[in-house]
C-alpha cells in the first residue's frame, strides 16, 4: 500500500487537475518535496489546504497570472508589503512581472510545506539566470539562487494573507547590486 505522503500527493494532483481552469489544467502544479501535516488534519483536509498554495507556487514558477488569481482571495493582504508594491492581488502580479524582467527563467521549488490548521508554511527555493535588466544593471547570465519562507493563511479555499521572508541579501549580491567583497 502506498504511503500516506504518496497518497496525499496523488490526491492533490488529481484535485488540481479537476479544479484548475481549463487553460492551466495541463500545467503541473509544483509539489513540495516533503509535506508535514499537523495533528488532527485528515489527508483530505490537508490536500484541500495545500491546493491554493500549490497554485501560488505555480504562479511563481511560471509567471502565469491566472494561477495567482485562482490561489489568492479577492481581498488578499500581504502582511509585510514591500515599499512601492500595491496591496492586494495586484502586488504579487506586479512583483512577478518586475522580477521576470531581470530573471526571465525564474523557477521555484518547494523544499517543504507544513499544513497546520488554516495555514500552509512553505520553504521555497528560487532559481534562474540574470539575463534581463534590474534597475540600471544588465544581466550577464549569472545564476540566481535564493531561499524564501511564506506563511499563507487560508480562507474559503484561497490564500487570504501572506507573510514572507526572502533572502534578499543573497539575491542583491547575485544581481550585482551589492558588492561581494
N, C-alpha and C. Protein backbone atom coordinates (compact mmCIF):
# COMPACT_ATOMS: atom_id res chain seq x y z
N UNK A 1 0.85 -1.19 0.00
CA UNK A 1 0.00 0.00 0.00
C UNK A 1 0.89 1.24 0.00
N UNK A 2 0.58 2.26 -0.85
CA UNK A 2 1.38 3.47 -0.90
C UNK A 2 1.34 4.21 0.44
N UNK A 3 2.42 4.95 0.72
CA UNK A 3 2.50 5.71 1.95
C UNK A 3 1.46 6.83 1.96
N UNK A 4 1.22 7.37 3.16
CA UNK A 4 0.29 8.48 3.28
C UNK A 4 0.76 9.66 2.44
N UNK A 5 2.07 9.93 2.43
CA UNK A 5 2.62 11.04 1.66
C UNK A 5 2.35 10.83 0.16
N UNK A 6 2.54 9.61 -0.33
CA UNK A 6 2.29 9.31 -1.74
C UNK A 6 0.81 9.46 -2.07
N UNK A 7 -0.05 8.93 -1.21
CA UNK A 7 -1.49 9.05 -1.44
C UNK A 7 -1.92 10.52 -1.43
N UNK A 8 -1.37 11.30 -0.49
CA UNK A 8 -1.68 12.72 -0.40
C UNK A 8 -1.24 13.42 -1.68
N UNK A 9 -0.03 13.16 -2.16
CA UNK A 9 0.46 13.80 -3.38
C UNK A 9 -0.44 13.46 -4.57
N UNK A 10 -0.84 12.21 -4.70
CA UNK A 10 -1.71 11.81 -5.80
C UNK A 10 -3.05 12.52 -5.74
N UNK A 11 -3.65 12.58 -4.55
CA UNK A 11 -4.95 13.24 -4.41
C UNK A 11 -4.86 14.72 -4.71
N UNK A 12 -3.77 15.37 -4.27
CA UNK A 12 -3.61 16.80 -4.53
C UNK A 12 -3.48 17.04 -6.03
N UNK A 13 -2.70 16.23 -6.71
CA UNK A 13 -2.55 16.39 -8.16
C UNK A 13 -3.89 16.18 -8.85
N UNK A 14 -4.61 15.14 -8.46
CA UNK A 14 -5.91 14.87 -9.08
C UNK A 14 -6.87 16.01 -8.83
N UNK A 15 -6.92 16.53 -7.62
CA UNK A 15 -7.80 17.65 -7.31
C UNK A 15 -7.41 18.89 -8.11
N UNK A 16 -6.13 19.13 -8.28
CA UNK A 16 -5.67 20.30 -9.03
C UNK A 16 -6.11 20.21 -10.48
N UNK A 17 -6.05 19.04 -11.05
CA UNK A 17 -6.45 18.89 -12.44
C UNK A 17 -7.94 19.12 -12.63
N UNK A 18 -8.72 18.77 -11.65
CA UNK A 18 -10.17 18.92 -11.76
C UNK A 18 -10.60 20.35 -11.47
N UNK A 19 -9.92 21.04 -10.55
CA UNK A 19 -10.41 22.33 -10.09
C UNK A 19 -9.68 23.54 -10.68
N UNK A 20 -8.65 23.34 -11.47
CA UNK A 20 -7.94 24.44 -12.08
C UNK A 20 -8.62 24.80 -13.40
N UNK A 21 -8.55 26.06 -13.79
CA UNK A 21 -9.16 26.49 -15.04
C UNK A 21 -8.62 25.65 -16.19
N UNK A 22 -9.43 25.42 -17.23
CA UNK A 22 -9.01 24.58 -18.35
C UNK A 22 -7.70 25.05 -18.99
N UNK A 23 -7.48 26.37 -19.05
CA UNK A 23 -6.27 26.88 -19.67
C UNK A 23 -5.01 26.49 -18.90
N UNK A 24 -5.15 26.23 -17.61
CA UNK A 24 -4.00 25.89 -16.78
C UNK A 24 -3.95 24.42 -16.38
N UNK A 25 -4.98 23.66 -16.72
CA UNK A 25 -5.08 22.28 -16.27
C UNK A 25 -3.92 21.42 -16.74
N UNK A 26 -3.31 21.76 -17.87
CA UNK A 26 -2.20 20.97 -18.39
C UNK A 26 -0.89 21.30 -17.70
N UNK A 27 -0.82 22.43 -17.03
CA UNK A 27 0.40 22.86 -16.35
C UNK A 27 0.49 22.15 -15.00
N UNK A 28 1.55 21.38 -14.77
CA UNK A 28 1.65 20.68 -13.48
C UNK A 28 1.89 21.67 -12.33
N UNK A 29 1.22 21.44 -11.23
CA UNK A 29 1.43 22.26 -10.04
C UNK A 29 2.64 21.74 -9.28
N UNK A 30 3.55 22.63 -8.86
CA UNK A 30 4.70 22.17 -8.08
C UNK A 30 4.26 21.41 -6.84
N UNK A 31 4.95 20.35 -6.58
CA UNK A 31 4.68 19.50 -5.42
C UNK A 31 5.82 19.68 -4.42
N UNK A 32 5.53 19.98 -3.17
CA UNK A 32 6.61 20.05 -2.18
C UNK A 32 7.36 18.72 -2.09
N UNK A 33 8.66 18.81 -1.88
CA UNK A 33 9.46 17.59 -1.72
C UNK A 33 9.05 16.84 -0.46
N UNK A 34 8.60 17.60 0.53
CA UNK A 34 8.15 16.99 1.79
C UNK A 34 6.95 17.77 2.28
N UNK A 35 5.92 17.06 2.71
CA UNK A 35 4.72 17.68 3.27
C UNK A 35 4.57 17.18 4.70
N UNK A 36 4.48 18.10 5.63
CA UNK A 36 4.28 17.77 7.04
C UNK A 36 2.87 18.25 7.41
N UNK A 37 2.05 17.34 7.88
CA UNK A 37 0.65 17.65 8.18
C UNK A 37 0.47 17.69 9.69
N UNK A 38 -0.16 18.77 10.16
CA UNK A 38 -0.41 18.94 11.57
C UNK A 38 -1.37 17.88 12.11
N UNK A 39 -1.21 17.61 13.39
CA UNK A 39 -2.07 16.63 14.05
C UNK A 39 -3.53 17.05 13.94
N UNK A 40 -4.37 16.08 13.72
CA UNK A 40 -5.80 16.33 13.67
C UNK A 40 -6.33 16.65 12.28
N UNK A 41 -5.45 16.84 11.30
CA UNK A 41 -5.92 17.11 9.93
C UNK A 41 -5.97 15.80 9.16
N UNK A 42 -7.09 15.56 8.53
CA UNK A 42 -7.22 14.37 7.69
C UNK A 42 -6.43 14.60 6.40
N UNK A 43 -6.11 13.53 5.69
CA UNK A 43 -5.45 13.71 4.39
C UNK A 43 -6.26 14.59 3.44
N UNK A 44 -7.57 14.43 3.43
CA UNK A 44 -8.41 15.25 2.55
C UNK A 44 -8.34 16.72 2.95
N UNK A 45 -8.37 17.01 4.23
CA UNK A 45 -8.28 18.40 4.70
C UNK A 45 -6.91 18.99 4.36
N UNK A 46 -5.87 18.19 4.51
CA UNK A 46 -4.52 18.66 4.18
C UNK A 46 -4.40 18.98 2.70
N UNK A 47 -4.90 18.11 1.85
CA UNK A 47 -4.80 18.36 0.41
C UNK A 47 -5.64 19.57 0.00
N UNK A 48 -6.78 19.76 0.64
CA UNK A 48 -7.62 20.93 0.37
C UNK A 48 -6.88 22.22 0.70
N UNK A 49 -6.15 22.22 1.80
CA UNK A 49 -5.41 23.41 2.22
C UNK A 49 -4.16 23.62 1.37
N UNK A 50 -3.57 22.54 0.90
CA UNK A 50 -2.34 22.65 0.11
C UNK A 50 -2.60 23.12 -1.32
N UNK A 51 -3.77 22.88 -1.86
CA UNK A 51 -4.06 23.20 -3.25
C UNK A 51 -3.86 24.69 -3.59
N UNK A 52 -4.40 25.65 -2.83
CA UNK A 52 -4.15 27.05 -3.20
C UNK A 52 -2.67 27.41 -3.10
N UNK A 53 -1.96 26.82 -2.15
CA UNK A 53 -0.52 27.06 -2.05
C UNK A 53 0.18 26.55 -3.30
N UNK A 54 -0.18 25.38 -3.77
CA UNK A 54 0.45 24.81 -4.97
C UNK A 54 0.13 25.66 -6.21
N UNK A 55 -1.06 26.24 -6.26
CA UNK A 55 -1.37 27.15 -7.36
C UNK A 55 -0.48 28.40 -7.29
N UNK A 56 -0.27 28.89 -6.06
CA UNK A 56 0.59 30.06 -5.91
C UNK A 56 2.03 29.72 -6.26
N UNK A 57 2.51 28.54 -5.88
CA UNK A 57 3.84 28.10 -6.30
C UNK A 57 3.92 28.09 -7.82
N UNK A 58 2.86 27.58 -8.48
CA UNK A 58 2.84 27.50 -9.95
C UNK A 58 2.93 28.90 -10.55
N UNK A 59 2.28 29.87 -9.92
CA UNK A 59 2.38 31.26 -10.39
C UNK A 59 3.83 31.72 -10.38
N UNK A 60 4.52 31.52 -9.26
CA UNK A 60 5.91 31.96 -9.17
C UNK A 60 6.80 31.13 -10.08
N UNK A 61 6.45 29.89 -10.30
CA UNK A 61 7.25 29.01 -11.15
C UNK A 61 7.11 29.35 -12.63
N UNK A 62 5.95 29.84 -13.05
CA UNK A 62 5.69 30.06 -14.47
C UNK A 62 5.48 31.52 -14.86
N UNK A 63 5.06 32.34 -13.91
CA UNK A 63 4.70 33.71 -14.23
C UNK A 63 3.28 33.84 -14.76
N UNK A 64 2.56 32.74 -14.87
CA UNK A 64 1.19 32.77 -15.39
C UNK A 64 0.26 33.34 -14.32
N UNK A 65 -0.25 34.52 -14.58
CA UNK A 65 -1.02 35.26 -13.58
C UNK A 65 -2.32 34.57 -13.18
N UNK A 66 -2.89 33.77 -14.04
CA UNK A 66 -4.14 33.09 -13.71
C UNK A 66 -3.96 32.19 -12.48
N UNK A 67 -2.77 31.60 -12.33
CA UNK A 67 -2.53 30.78 -11.13
C UNK A 67 -2.67 31.62 -9.87
N UNK A 68 -2.10 32.82 -9.86
CA UNK A 68 -2.21 33.69 -8.68
C UNK A 68 -3.65 34.10 -8.45
N UNK A 69 -4.35 34.41 -9.52
CA UNK A 69 -5.75 34.84 -9.40
C UNK A 69 -6.64 33.72 -8.85
N UNK A 70 -6.29 32.47 -9.13
CA UNK A 70 -7.05 31.34 -8.59
C UNK A 70 -6.62 31.01 -7.15
N UNK A 71 -5.38 31.32 -6.80
CA UNK A 71 -4.85 30.99 -5.47
C UNK A 71 -5.21 32.03 -4.42
N UNK A 72 -5.22 33.30 -4.81
CA UNK A 72 -5.36 34.39 -3.83
C UNK A 72 -6.82 34.83 -3.71
N UNK A 73 -7.22 35.11 -2.48
CA UNK A 73 -8.57 35.63 -2.22
C UNK A 73 -8.69 37.02 -2.85
N UNK A 74 -9.90 37.39 -3.26
CA UNK A 74 -10.07 38.73 -3.86
C UNK A 74 -9.62 39.86 -2.94
N UNK A 75 -9.73 39.65 -1.63
CA UNK A 75 -9.31 40.66 -0.66
C UNK A 75 -7.97 40.29 -0.01
N UNK A 76 -7.11 39.62 -0.75
CA UNK A 76 -5.79 39.17 -0.28
C UNK A 76 -5.00 40.33 0.32
N UNK A 77 -4.29 40.04 1.42
CA UNK A 77 -3.47 41.03 2.11
C UNK A 77 -2.06 40.49 2.26
N UNK A 78 -1.08 41.28 1.82
CA UNK A 78 0.34 40.99 2.04
C UNK A 78 0.70 41.61 3.38
N UNK A 79 1.02 40.78 4.36
CA UNK A 79 1.23 41.25 5.73
C UNK A 79 2.54 42.01 5.93
N UNK A 80 3.49 41.85 5.02
CA UNK A 80 4.72 42.65 5.11
C UNK A 80 5.04 43.17 3.70
N UNK A 81 4.15 44.01 3.24
CA UNK A 81 4.19 44.57 1.89
C UNK A 81 5.47 45.38 1.68
N UNK A 82 6.27 45.01 0.68
CA UNK A 82 7.46 45.82 0.38
C UNK A 82 7.07 47.22 -0.11
N UNK A 83 7.92 48.17 0.19
CA UNK A 83 7.67 49.56 -0.22
C UNK A 83 7.50 49.64 -1.74
N UNK A 84 6.48 50.38 -2.15
CA UNK A 84 6.24 50.59 -3.57
C UNK A 84 5.38 49.54 -4.25
N UNK A 85 5.09 48.44 -3.57
CA UNK A 85 4.27 47.38 -4.16
C UNK A 85 2.82 47.61 -3.77
N UNK A 86 1.89 47.49 -4.74
CA UNK A 86 0.48 47.66 -4.38
C UNK A 86 -0.03 46.52 -3.49
N UNK A 87 -0.95 46.84 -2.62
CA UNK A 87 -1.58 45.84 -1.76
C UNK A 87 -2.58 45.05 -2.60
N UNK A 88 -2.92 43.86 -2.15
CA UNK A 88 -3.92 43.04 -2.83
C UNK A 88 -3.31 42.12 -3.87
N UNK A 89 -4.15 41.51 -4.66
CA UNK A 89 -3.72 40.55 -5.68
C UNK A 89 -2.74 41.20 -6.65
N UNK A 90 -2.93 42.47 -6.95
CA UNK A 90 -2.05 43.15 -7.91
C UNK A 90 -0.60 43.20 -7.43
N UNK A 91 -0.36 43.16 -6.12
CA UNK A 91 1.00 43.22 -5.59
C UNK A 91 1.90 42.10 -6.09
N UNK A 92 1.53 40.83 -5.88
CA UNK A 92 2.36 39.75 -6.40
C UNK A 92 2.46 39.74 -7.93
N UNK A 93 1.39 40.15 -8.61
CA UNK A 93 1.45 40.21 -10.07
C UNK A 93 2.50 41.21 -10.52
N UNK A 94 2.51 42.38 -9.88
CA UNK A 94 3.50 43.42 -10.18
C UNK A 94 4.91 42.93 -9.87
N UNK A 95 5.07 42.29 -8.71
CA UNK A 95 6.39 41.78 -8.31
C UNK A 95 6.91 40.74 -9.30
N UNK A 96 6.05 39.84 -9.72
CA UNK A 96 6.46 38.80 -10.66
C UNK A 96 6.87 39.39 -12.00
N UNK A 97 6.09 40.33 -12.50
CA UNK A 97 6.44 40.96 -13.78
C UNK A 97 7.82 41.63 -13.70
N UNK A 98 8.06 42.36 -12.63
CA UNK A 98 9.34 43.05 -12.46
C UNK A 98 10.49 42.05 -12.32
N UNK A 99 10.27 41.01 -11.53
CA UNK A 99 11.33 40.03 -11.31
C UNK A 99 11.64 39.29 -12.60
N UNK A 100 10.62 38.97 -13.36
CA UNK A 100 10.85 38.24 -14.62
C UNK A 100 11.51 39.11 -15.68
N UNK A 101 11.49 40.44 -15.53
CA UNK A 101 12.27 41.29 -16.42
C UNK A 101 13.76 41.07 -16.19
N UNK A 102 14.13 40.76 -14.96
CA UNK A 102 15.53 40.50 -14.63
C UNK A 102 15.90 39.03 -14.82
N UNK A 103 14.98 38.15 -14.41
CA UNK A 103 15.25 36.70 -14.42
C UNK A 103 14.09 36.02 -15.17
N UNK A 104 14.12 36.05 -16.51
CA UNK A 104 13.00 35.50 -17.28
C UNK A 104 12.74 34.02 -17.04
N UNK A 105 13.77 33.26 -16.70
CA UNK A 105 13.60 31.81 -16.49
C UNK A 105 13.41 31.45 -15.01
N UNK A 106 12.93 32.39 -14.23
CA UNK A 106 12.71 32.17 -12.81
C UNK A 106 11.88 30.91 -12.57
N UNK A 107 12.31 30.10 -11.64
CA UNK A 107 11.51 28.93 -11.25
C UNK A 107 11.58 28.79 -9.74
N UNK A 108 10.61 28.06 -9.21
CA UNK A 108 10.56 27.84 -7.77
C UNK A 108 10.44 26.34 -7.51
N UNK A 109 11.15 25.89 -6.50
CA UNK A 109 10.94 24.54 -5.99
C UNK A 109 10.51 24.68 -4.54
N UNK A 110 9.74 23.73 -4.10
CA UNK A 110 9.20 23.78 -2.74
C UNK A 110 9.89 22.68 -1.94
N UNK A 111 10.77 23.10 -1.06
CA UNK A 111 11.54 22.14 -0.27
C UNK A 111 10.63 21.42 0.73
N UNK A 112 9.82 22.20 1.44
CA UNK A 112 8.90 21.65 2.44
C UNK A 112 7.67 22.51 2.53
N UNK A 113 6.58 21.86 2.90
CA UNK A 113 5.34 22.59 3.21
C UNK A 113 4.76 21.97 4.47
N UNK A 114 4.44 22.82 5.42
CA UNK A 114 3.77 22.40 6.64
C UNK A 114 2.32 22.84 6.53
N UNK A 115 1.41 21.92 6.72
CA UNK A 115 -0.02 22.23 6.67
C UNK A 115 -0.53 22.10 8.10
N UNK A 116 -0.89 23.23 8.70
CA UNK A 116 -1.28 23.27 10.10
C UNK A 116 -2.52 24.16 10.24
N UNK A 117 -3.59 23.57 10.73
CA UNK A 117 -4.85 24.31 10.89
C UNK A 117 -5.23 25.00 9.58
N UNK A 118 -5.33 26.34 9.57
CA UNK A 118 -5.71 27.05 8.36
C UNK A 118 -4.51 27.73 7.70
N UNK A 119 -3.32 27.19 7.94
CA UNK A 119 -2.11 27.78 7.37
C UNK A 119 -1.28 26.74 6.62
N UNK A 120 -0.55 27.26 5.62
CA UNK A 120 0.47 26.49 4.92
C UNK A 120 1.75 27.30 5.01
N UNK A 121 2.77 26.69 5.57
CA UNK A 121 4.07 27.33 5.70
C UNK A 121 4.98 26.67 4.67
N UNK A 122 5.62 27.48 3.84
CA UNK A 122 6.36 26.96 2.70
C UNK A 122 7.81 27.39 2.74
N UNK A 123 8.71 26.43 2.55
CA UNK A 123 10.14 26.70 2.40
C UNK A 123 10.43 26.60 0.91
N UNK A 124 10.76 27.73 0.29
CA UNK A 124 10.89 27.83 -1.15
C UNK A 124 12.34 28.07 -1.58
N UNK A 125 12.66 27.66 -2.79
CA UNK A 125 13.97 27.92 -3.40
C UNK A 125 13.70 28.49 -4.80
N UNK A 126 14.18 29.72 -5.05
CA UNK A 126 14.04 30.37 -6.34
C UNK A 126 15.35 30.28 -7.10
N UNK A 127 15.28 29.91 -8.37
CA UNK A 127 16.48 29.80 -9.20
C UNK A 127 16.20 30.38 -10.59
N UNK A 128 17.25 30.69 -11.29
CA UNK A 128 17.15 31.20 -12.65
C UNK A 128 18.47 31.83 -13.05
N UNK A 129 18.40 32.64 -14.09
CA UNK A 129 19.60 33.30 -14.61
C UNK A 129 19.29 34.76 -14.88
N UNK A 130 20.21 35.63 -14.47
CA UNK A 130 20.04 37.06 -14.64
C UNK A 130 20.44 37.42 -16.08
N UNK A 131 19.44 37.38 -16.96
CA UNK A 131 19.68 37.68 -18.38
C UNK A 131 18.93 38.93 -18.84
N UNK A 132 18.15 39.52 -17.95
CA UNK A 132 17.38 40.71 -18.31
C UNK A 132 17.97 41.95 -17.68
N UNK A 133 17.10 42.81 -17.17
CA UNK A 133 17.52 44.08 -16.54
C UNK A 133 16.93 44.18 -15.13
N UNK A 134 17.75 44.73 -14.23
CA UNK A 134 17.29 45.04 -12.88
C UNK A 134 17.78 46.44 -12.58
N UNK A 135 16.87 47.42 -12.64
CA UNK A 135 17.28 48.82 -12.50
C UNK A 135 18.24 49.16 -13.62
N UNK A 136 19.44 49.66 -13.25
CA UNK A 136 20.43 50.00 -14.27
C UNK A 136 21.39 48.85 -14.56
N UNK A 137 21.17 47.71 -13.93
CA UNK A 137 22.03 46.53 -14.14
C UNK A 137 21.50 45.71 -15.31
N UNK A 138 22.43 45.30 -16.18
CA UNK A 138 22.09 44.44 -17.30
C UNK A 138 22.63 43.06 -16.98
N UNK A 139 21.79 42.06 -17.13
CA UNK A 139 22.16 40.70 -16.79
C UNK A 139 23.27 40.14 -17.66
N UNK A 140 24.08 39.29 -17.05
CA UNK A 140 25.18 38.64 -17.76
C UNK A 140 25.03 37.12 -17.76
N UNK A 141 23.84 36.64 -17.37
CA UNK A 141 23.60 35.20 -17.38
C UNK A 141 23.94 34.50 -16.08
N UNK A 142 24.42 35.25 -15.09
CA UNK A 142 24.81 34.61 -13.83
C UNK A 142 23.63 33.92 -13.16
N UNK A 143 23.94 32.91 -12.39
CA UNK A 143 22.93 32.11 -11.69
C UNK A 143 22.33 32.89 -10.53
N UNK A 144 21.03 32.77 -10.40
CA UNK A 144 20.29 33.31 -9.26
C UNK A 144 19.77 32.12 -8.46
N UNK A 145 20.00 32.15 -7.15
CA UNK A 145 19.60 31.04 -6.29
C UNK A 145 19.44 31.58 -4.88
N UNK A 146 18.21 31.70 -4.41
CA UNK A 146 17.98 32.20 -3.06
C UNK A 146 16.74 31.53 -2.47
N UNK A 147 16.62 31.62 -1.16
CA UNK A 147 15.52 30.94 -0.47
C UNK A 147 14.51 31.96 0.07
N UNK A 148 13.33 31.42 0.40
CA UNK A 148 12.27 32.24 0.99
C UNK A 148 11.39 31.35 1.85
N UNK A 149 10.68 31.98 2.76
CA UNK A 149 9.68 31.30 3.59
C UNK A 149 8.40 32.10 3.47
N UNK A 150 7.31 31.43 3.17
CA UNK A 150 5.99 32.06 3.09
C UNK A 150 5.07 31.40 4.11
N UNK A 151 4.23 32.19 4.73
CA UNK A 151 3.19 31.66 5.62
C UNK A 151 1.85 32.16 5.08
N UNK A 152 1.08 31.23 4.52
CA UNK A 152 -0.23 31.54 3.95
C UNK A 152 -1.32 31.21 4.97
N UNK A 153 -2.23 32.14 5.19
CA UNK A 153 -3.43 31.85 5.96
C UNK A 153 -4.57 31.73 4.96
N UNK A 154 -5.31 30.64 5.07
CA UNK A 154 -6.34 30.31 4.10
C UNK A 154 -7.73 30.66 4.61
N UNK A 155 -8.57 31.03 3.66
CA UNK A 155 -9.97 31.32 3.97
C UNK A 155 -10.78 30.98 2.71
N UNK A 156 -11.79 30.16 2.88
CA UNK A 156 -12.67 29.78 1.76
C UNK A 156 -11.89 29.22 0.56
N UNK A 157 -10.87 28.42 0.85
CA UNK A 157 -10.13 27.74 -0.21
C UNK A 157 -9.13 28.60 -0.97
N UNK A 158 -8.81 29.78 -0.43
CA UNK A 158 -7.83 30.66 -1.08
C UNK A 158 -6.89 31.25 -0.04
N UNK A 159 -5.81 31.80 -0.50
CA UNK A 159 -4.84 32.44 0.38
C UNK A 159 -5.37 33.84 0.71
N UNK A 160 -5.68 34.06 1.98
CA UNK A 160 -6.22 35.35 2.43
C UNK A 160 -5.11 36.31 2.80
N UNK A 161 -4.05 35.78 3.44
CA UNK A 161 -2.91 36.60 3.82
C UNK A 161 -1.62 35.83 3.56
N UNK A 162 -0.54 36.60 3.38
CA UNK A 162 0.78 36.01 3.23
C UNK A 162 1.78 36.85 4.01
N UNK A 163 2.56 36.17 4.82
CA UNK A 163 3.74 36.76 5.46
C UNK A 163 4.92 36.05 4.82
N UNK A 164 5.91 36.80 4.36
CA UNK A 164 7.02 36.19 3.62
C UNK A 164 8.35 36.81 4.02
N UNK A 165 9.38 36.01 3.88
CA UNK A 165 10.74 36.46 4.16
C UNK A 165 11.64 35.86 3.09
N UNK A 166 12.26 36.74 2.29
CA UNK A 166 13.16 36.31 1.24
C UNK A 166 14.60 36.62 1.64
N UNK A 167 15.52 35.83 1.13
CA UNK A 167 16.94 36.08 1.34
C UNK A 167 17.39 37.14 0.32
N UNK A 168 16.96 38.37 0.57
CA UNK A 168 17.24 39.46 -0.37
C UNK A 168 18.72 39.82 -0.42
N UNK A 169 19.48 39.59 0.65
CA UNK A 169 20.90 39.88 0.63
C UNK A 169 21.59 39.01 -0.43
N UNK A 170 21.30 37.72 -0.41
CA UNK A 170 21.88 36.83 -1.43
C UNK A 170 21.45 37.25 -2.83
N UNK A 171 20.17 37.56 -2.99
CA UNK A 171 19.66 37.96 -4.29
C UNK A 171 20.37 39.23 -4.79
N UNK A 172 20.48 40.25 -3.95
CA UNK A 172 21.11 41.50 -4.36
C UNK A 172 22.59 41.30 -4.71
N UNK A 173 23.28 40.43 -3.99
CA UNK A 173 24.67 40.09 -4.34
C UNK A 173 24.72 39.40 -5.69
N UNK A 174 23.81 38.47 -5.92
CA UNK A 174 23.81 37.73 -7.18
C UNK A 174 23.46 38.62 -8.36
N UNK A 175 22.62 39.63 -8.13
CA UNK A 175 22.29 40.59 -9.19
C UNK A 175 23.37 41.64 -9.40
N UNK A 176 24.37 41.67 -8.51
CA UNK A 176 25.45 42.64 -8.63
C UNK A 176 25.11 44.00 -8.08
N UNK A 177 24.00 44.09 -7.32
CA UNK A 177 23.60 45.35 -6.72
C UNK A 177 24.44 45.65 -5.49
N UNK A 178 24.82 44.60 -4.76
CA UNK A 178 25.67 44.74 -3.58
C UNK A 178 26.97 43.99 -3.86
N UNK A 179 28.07 44.62 -3.53
CA UNK A 179 29.39 44.01 -3.75
C UNK A 179 29.59 42.81 -2.83
N UNK A 180 30.25 41.80 -3.33
CA UNK A 180 30.53 40.61 -2.52
C UNK A 180 31.89 40.70 -1.85
N UNK A 181 32.60 41.82 -2.01
CA UNK A 181 33.94 41.96 -1.40
C UNK A 181 33.87 42.73 -0.13
